[in-house]
Amino acid sequence: MSTNYQPINCDYYDRLEAWATMRTICLIRFTGEDGQIQEVSARIADLFVLEKVEYMRLENGVVLRLDVLIDVNNIPLPNHC
């Protein structure tokens, strides 16, 4: 993705960490590279930062930038930090 990264809300990041720790299967909706809304159901395996960009790795191997998230478990991504 070539757009500048927009950090997500800090409280929402904490929620993602909690779901990862609890190994919760999450319903994740996000904007794909083609601009279309996509949906996946998976556990969050890892949250990490690479070159000042936050990512989530799912157990199925999918890696998402956190700023492409629309909602997780029907909880919308709030405004940025």
N, C-alpha and C. Protein backbone atom coordinates (compact mmCIF):
# COMPACT_ATOMS: atom_id res chain seq x y z
N MET A 1 0.85 -1.17 0.00
CA MET A 1 0.00 0.00 0.00
C MET A 1 0.90 1.23 0.00
N SER A 2 0.60 2.18 -0.83
CA SER A 2 1.49 3.32 -1.00
C SER A 2 1.06 4.56 -0.23
N THR A 3 -0.12 4.56 0.38
CA THR A 3 -0.56 5.75 1.11
C THR A 3 0.14 5.84 2.46
N ASN A 4 0.22 7.06 2.99
CA ASN A 4 0.84 7.26 4.29
C ASN A 4 0.01 6.56 5.36
N TYR A 5 0.69 5.94 6.30
CA TYR A 5 0.02 5.23 7.37
C TYR A 5 -0.63 6.21 8.34
N GLN A 6 -1.86 5.92 8.74
CA GLN A 6 -2.58 6.70 9.74
C GLN A 6 -2.73 5.82 10.98
N PRO A 7 -2.05 6.15 12.09
CA PRO A 7 -2.15 5.33 13.29
C PRO A 7 -3.60 5.19 13.74
N ILE A 8 -3.93 4.01 14.26
CA ILE A 8 -5.30 3.78 14.72
C ILE A 8 -5.44 4.25 16.16
N ASN A 9 -6.67 4.32 16.62
CA ASN A 9 -7.00 4.71 17.98
C ASN A 9 -6.30 3.77 18.96
N CYS A 10 -5.66 4.34 19.97
CA CYS A 10 -4.87 3.57 20.94
C CYS A 10 -5.72 2.57 21.72
N ASP A 11 -6.93 2.97 22.10
CA ASP A 11 -7.81 2.07 22.83
C ASP A 11 -8.23 0.89 21.96
N TYR A 12 -8.42 1.14 20.67
CA TYR A 12 -8.79 0.06 19.74
C TYR A 12 -7.63 -0.91 19.59
N TYR A 13 -6.40 -0.38 19.55
CA TYR A 13 -5.22 -1.24 19.48
C TYR A 13 -5.18 -2.16 20.69
N ASP A 14 -5.49 -1.61 21.87
CA ASP A 14 -5.53 -2.43 23.09
C ASP A 14 -6.57 -3.53 22.98
N ARG A 15 -7.70 -3.22 22.37
CA ARG A 15 -8.76 -4.22 22.16
C ARG A 15 -8.26 -5.34 21.25
N LEU A 16 -7.55 -4.97 20.17
CA LEU A 16 -6.98 -5.97 19.27
C LEU A 16 -6.00 -6.88 20.02
N GLU A 17 -5.17 -6.28 20.87
CA GLU A 17 -4.23 -7.07 21.67
C GLU A 17 -4.97 -8.05 22.58
N ALA A 18 -6.07 -7.60 23.18
CA ALA A 18 -6.85 -8.48 24.06
C ALA A 18 -7.41 -9.66 23.28
N TRP A 19 -7.98 -9.40 22.09
CA TRP A 19 -8.50 -10.49 21.27
C TRP A 19 -7.40 -11.46 20.88
N ALA A 20 -6.21 -10.93 20.58
CA ALA A 20 -5.08 -11.79 20.23
C ALA A 20 -4.68 -12.66 21.42
N THR A 21 -4.60 -12.05 22.60
CA THR A 21 -4.21 -12.77 23.81
C THR A 21 -5.23 -13.86 24.16
N MET A 22 -6.51 -13.55 23.99
CA MET A 22 -7.57 -14.51 24.31
C MET A 22 -7.80 -15.52 23.19
N ARG A 23 -7.07 -15.34 22.07
CA ARG A 23 -7.19 -16.22 20.91
C ARG A 23 -8.63 -16.29 20.39
N THR A 24 -9.28 -15.15 20.40
CA THR A 24 -10.66 -15.03 19.94
C THR A 24 -10.71 -15.10 18.42
N ILE A 25 -11.62 -15.88 17.89
CA ILE A 25 -11.85 -15.85 16.44
C ILE A 25 -12.62 -14.57 16.14
N CYS A 26 -12.05 -13.73 15.30
CA CYS A 26 -12.60 -12.41 15.02
C CYS A 26 -13.15 -12.34 13.60
N LEU A 27 -14.24 -11.62 13.45
CA LEU A 27 -14.77 -11.27 12.14
C LEU A 27 -14.18 -9.91 11.79
N ILE A 28 -13.34 -9.87 10.77
CA ILE A 28 -12.58 -8.67 10.44
C ILE A 28 -13.00 -8.18 9.06
N ARG A 29 -13.47 -6.93 9.01
CA ARG A 29 -13.79 -6.29 7.72
C ARG A 29 -12.76 -5.21 7.48
N PHE A 30 -12.25 -5.17 6.24
CA PHE A 30 -11.20 -4.22 5.89
C PHE A 30 -11.31 -3.84 4.43
N THR A 31 -10.62 -2.78 4.07
CA THR A 31 -10.57 -2.33 2.68
C THR A 31 -9.38 -3.01 2.01
N GLY A 32 -9.65 -3.80 0.98
CA GLY A 32 -8.60 -4.50 0.25
C GLY A 32 -7.82 -3.56 -0.64
N GLU A 33 -6.74 -4.07 -1.22
CA GLU A 33 -5.89 -3.27 -2.11
C GLU A 33 -6.65 -2.74 -3.31
N ASP A 34 -7.72 -3.46 -3.69
CA ASP A 34 -8.53 -3.02 -4.83
C ASP A 34 -9.61 -2.01 -4.44
N GLY A 35 -9.63 -1.62 -3.13
CA GLY A 35 -10.61 -0.65 -2.66
C GLY A 35 -11.94 -1.26 -2.25
N GLN A 36 -12.09 -2.57 -2.45
CA GLN A 36 -13.33 -3.26 -2.10
C GLN A 36 -13.29 -3.72 -0.64
N ILE A 37 -14.45 -3.75 -0.02
CA ILE A 37 -14.55 -4.25 1.36
C ILE A 37 -14.43 -5.77 1.33
N GLN A 38 -13.55 -6.27 2.18
CA GLN A 38 -13.34 -7.71 2.30
C GLN A 38 -13.61 -8.12 3.74
N GLU A 39 -13.87 -9.41 3.93
CA GLU A 39 -14.20 -9.92 5.24
C GLU A 39 -13.50 -11.25 5.45
N VAL A 40 -12.96 -11.44 6.64
CA VAL A 40 -12.29 -12.69 6.98
C VAL A 40 -12.59 -13.01 8.43
N SER A 41 -12.71 -14.29 8.73
CA SER A 41 -12.89 -14.74 10.10
C SER A 41 -11.63 -15.51 10.48
N ALA A 42 -10.91 -15.00 11.49
CA ALA A 42 -9.64 -15.63 11.87
C ALA A 42 -9.20 -15.13 13.24
N ARG A 43 -8.24 -15.84 13.82
CA ARG A 43 -7.61 -15.39 15.06
C ARG A 43 -6.47 -14.43 14.72
N ILE A 44 -6.27 -13.44 15.59
CA ILE A 44 -5.13 -12.53 15.44
C ILE A 44 -3.92 -13.23 16.05
N ALA A 45 -2.92 -13.52 15.23
CA ALA A 45 -1.73 -14.22 15.71
C ALA A 45 -0.70 -13.26 16.28
N ASP A 46 -0.63 -12.05 15.72
CA ASP A 46 0.43 -11.12 16.13
C ASP A 46 0.06 -9.70 15.71
N LEU A 47 0.50 -8.75 16.53
CA LEU A 47 0.45 -7.33 16.18
C LEU A 47 1.89 -6.85 16.21
N PHE A 48 2.32 -6.12 15.18
CA PHE A 48 3.71 -5.70 15.13
C PHE A 48 3.85 -4.39 14.37
N VAL A 49 5.00 -3.76 14.54
CA VAL A 49 5.30 -2.49 13.87
C VAL A 49 6.52 -2.72 12.99
N LEU A 50 6.43 -2.26 11.76
CA LEU A 50 7.54 -2.35 10.81
C LEU A 50 7.65 -1.00 10.11
N GLU A 51 8.78 -0.35 10.27
CA GLU A 51 9.02 0.97 9.67
C GLU A 51 7.90 1.95 10.00
N LYS A 52 7.53 2.00 11.28
CA LYS A 52 6.53 2.93 11.82
C LYS A 52 5.11 2.68 11.33
N VAL A 53 4.84 1.48 10.80
CA VAL A 53 3.51 1.10 10.35
C VAL A 53 3.06 -0.11 11.18
N GLU A 54 1.83 -0.03 11.73
CA GLU A 54 1.30 -1.11 12.55
C GLU A 54 0.59 -2.14 11.67
N TYR A 55 0.85 -3.41 11.97
CA TYR A 55 0.28 -4.52 11.21
C TYR A 55 -0.34 -5.54 12.15
N MET A 56 -1.22 -6.35 11.58
CA MET A 56 -1.79 -7.50 12.26
C MET A 56 -1.55 -8.71 11.36
N ARG A 57 -1.04 -9.78 11.97
CA ARG A 57 -0.89 -11.05 11.24
C ARG A 57 -1.96 -11.99 11.77
N LEU A 58 -2.72 -12.56 10.87
CA LEU A 58 -3.77 -13.50 11.24
C LEU A 58 -3.21 -14.92 11.19
N GLU A 59 -3.86 -15.84 11.90
CA GLU A 59 -3.38 -17.22 11.92
C GLU A 59 -3.37 -17.87 10.54
N ASN A 60 -4.19 -17.37 9.61
CA ASN A 60 -4.22 -17.92 8.26
C ASN A 60 -3.12 -17.35 7.36
N GLY A 61 -2.24 -16.50 7.95
CA GLY A 61 -1.12 -15.95 7.20
C GLY A 61 -1.36 -14.57 6.60
N VAL A 62 -2.60 -14.11 6.60
CA VAL A 62 -2.91 -12.79 6.06
C VAL A 62 -2.29 -11.72 6.97
N VAL A 63 -1.66 -10.72 6.36
CA VAL A 63 -1.09 -9.59 7.09
C VAL A 63 -1.81 -8.32 6.62
N LEU A 64 -2.32 -7.54 7.59
CA LEU A 64 -3.07 -6.33 7.28
C LEU A 64 -2.46 -5.13 7.98
N ARG A 65 -2.37 -4.02 7.26
CA ARG A 65 -2.07 -2.75 7.93
C ARG A 65 -3.29 -2.39 8.75
N LEU A 66 -3.08 -1.89 9.95
CA LEU A 66 -4.21 -1.61 10.82
C LEU A 66 -5.09 -0.48 10.31
N ASP A 67 -4.55 0.42 9.50
CA ASP A 67 -5.38 1.52 9.02
C ASP A 67 -6.32 1.13 7.87
N VAL A 68 -6.32 -0.14 7.46
CA VAL A 68 -7.29 -0.59 6.46
C VAL A 68 -8.51 -1.22 7.12
N LEU A 69 -8.47 -1.38 8.45
CA LEU A 69 -9.58 -1.99 9.16
C LEU A 69 -10.82 -1.10 9.09
N ILE A 70 -11.96 -1.74 8.93
CA ILE A 70 -13.25 -1.06 8.99
C ILE A 70 -13.89 -1.36 10.34
N ASP A 71 -13.95 -2.66 10.67
CA ASP A 71 -14.44 -3.07 11.98
C ASP A 71 -13.93 -4.47 12.29
N VAL A 72 -13.91 -4.78 13.58
CA VAL A 72 -13.56 -6.12 14.04
C VAL A 72 -14.64 -6.52 15.03
N ASN A 73 -15.21 -7.70 14.81
CA ASN A 73 -16.32 -8.19 15.64
C ASN A 73 -17.45 -7.16 15.73
N ASN A 74 -17.71 -6.52 14.59
CA ASN A 74 -18.77 -5.52 14.46
C ASN A 74 -18.56 -4.27 15.31
N ILE A 75 -17.33 -4.05 15.77
CA ILE A 75 -16.99 -2.82 16.49
C ILE A 75 -16.19 -1.96 15.53
N PRO A 76 -16.77 -0.84 15.08
CA PRO A 76 -16.09 0.00 14.08
C PRO A 76 -14.79 0.61 14.61
N LEU A 77 -13.86 0.76 13.72
CA LEU A 77 -12.60 1.44 14.04
C LEU A 77 -12.90 2.91 14.28
N PRO A 78 -12.60 3.44 15.49
CA PRO A 78 -12.87 4.85 15.76
C PRO A 78 -11.85 5.76 15.10
N ASN A 79 -11.98 7.05 15.34
CA ASN A 79 -11.01 8.01 14.81
C ASN A 79 -9.61 7.68 15.29
N HIS A 80 -8.63 8.21 14.62
CA HIS A 80 -7.23 7.93 14.93
C HIS A 80 -6.84 8.54 16.27
N CYS A 81 -5.68 8.09 16.78
CA CYS A 81 -5.15 8.62 18.06
C CYS A 81 -4.97 10.12 17.96
